[in-house]
Protein backbone atom coordinates (compact mmCIF):
# COMPACT_ATOMS: atom_id res chain seq x y z
CA MET A 1 9.55 -18.87 -10.93
CA ILE A 2 6.58 -17.03 -9.44
CA PHE A 3 6.85 -13.29 -9.02
CA GLU A 4 4.79 -11.54 -6.39
CA ARG A 5 4.00 -7.87 -6.55
CA LYS A 6 5.55 -5.96 -3.65
CA VAL A 7 4.55 -2.41 -4.60
CA ILE A 8 1.31 -0.77 -3.50
CA TYR A 9 -0.52 1.71 -5.72
CA ALA A 10 -3.28 4.25 -5.14
CA GLN A 11 -5.84 1.86 -6.68
CA ASP A 12 -4.86 -0.77 -4.10
CA ILE A 13 -5.36 1.71 -1.26
CA MET A 14 -8.76 2.61 -2.71
CA ILE A 15 -9.74 -1.07 -2.67
CA PHE A 16 -8.40 -1.65 0.84
CA THR A 17 -9.91 1.45 2.46
CA GLY A 18 -12.98 1.99 0.31
CA ARG A 19 -12.00 5.65 0.02
CA SER A 20 -11.47 8.01 -2.94
CA ARG A 21 -8.52 8.31 -5.30
CA SER A 22 -7.52 11.67 -3.80
CA TYR A 23 -7.46 10.12 -0.32
CA ALA A 24 -5.30 7.25 -1.59
CA TYR A 25 -2.74 9.67 -3.08
CA LYS A 26 -2.75 11.69 0.13
CA ILE A 27 -1.96 8.55 2.13
CA LEU A 28 0.78 7.54 -0.32
CA ASN A 29 2.41 10.95 0.06
CA GLN A 30 2.15 10.85 3.87
CA ILE A 31 3.85 7.46 4.00
CA LYS A 32 6.58 8.57 1.58
CA ALA A 33 7.25 11.62 3.75
CA PHE A 34 7.36 9.44 6.87
CA TYR A 35 9.99 7.16 5.30
CA GLY A 36 11.90 10.07 3.73
CA LYS A 37 11.22 8.95 0.18
CA SER A 38 10.89 11.22 -2.83
CA LYS A 39 7.52 11.66 -4.50
CA ALA A 40 8.73 9.54 -7.42
CA SER A 41 9.64 6.59 -5.18
CA LEU A 42 7.53 3.48 -4.91
CA LEU A 43 6.08 2.16 -1.66
CA THR A 44 5.97 -1.48 -0.70
CA ILE A 45 2.98 -3.26 0.73
CA LYS A 46 5.07 -3.85 3.87
CA GLU A 47 5.75 -0.12 4.31
CA PHE A 48 2.03 0.61 3.94
CA ALA A 49 1.11 -2.11 6.44
CA ASP A 50 3.79 -1.11 8.96
CA PHE A 51 2.77 2.56 8.78
CA HIS A 52 -0.84 1.68 9.58
CA GLY A 53 -0.06 -1.05 12.11
CA ILE A 54 -1.78 -3.82 10.17
CA SER A 55 -0.46 -7.13 8.94
CA VAL A 56 1.00 -7.54 5.46
CA GLU A 57 -1.18 -10.63 5.04
CA ASP A 58 -4.36 -8.59 5.59
CA VAL A 59 -3.34 -6.10 2.90
CA GLU A 60 -2.30 -8.81 0.45
CA THR A 61 -5.55 -10.72 1.02
CA SER A 62 -7.68 -7.63 0.38
CA VAL A 63 -5.70 -6.12 -2.47
CA LEU A 64 -4.10 -9.06 -4.27
CA GLY A 65 -6.72 -11.65 -3.45
CA LYS A 66 -4.20 -13.94 -1.79
CA PRO A 67 -5.56 -16.48 0.70
CA LYS A 68 -4.35 -16.22 4.28
């Protein structure tokens, strides 16, 4: 069975946006607040993509190196 990672981390956001670690954490916290999640909760790649209006495939390709 193949497991695919569904959670997005600050490092992933840094890779995707080309921005700093502090910016990545700021974005994570904004998305968590938008979805009503606690600071300790994890965010999915889908939640990140939906929040920004981009496709999940684009995020996965950039961050996880998955082909389209």
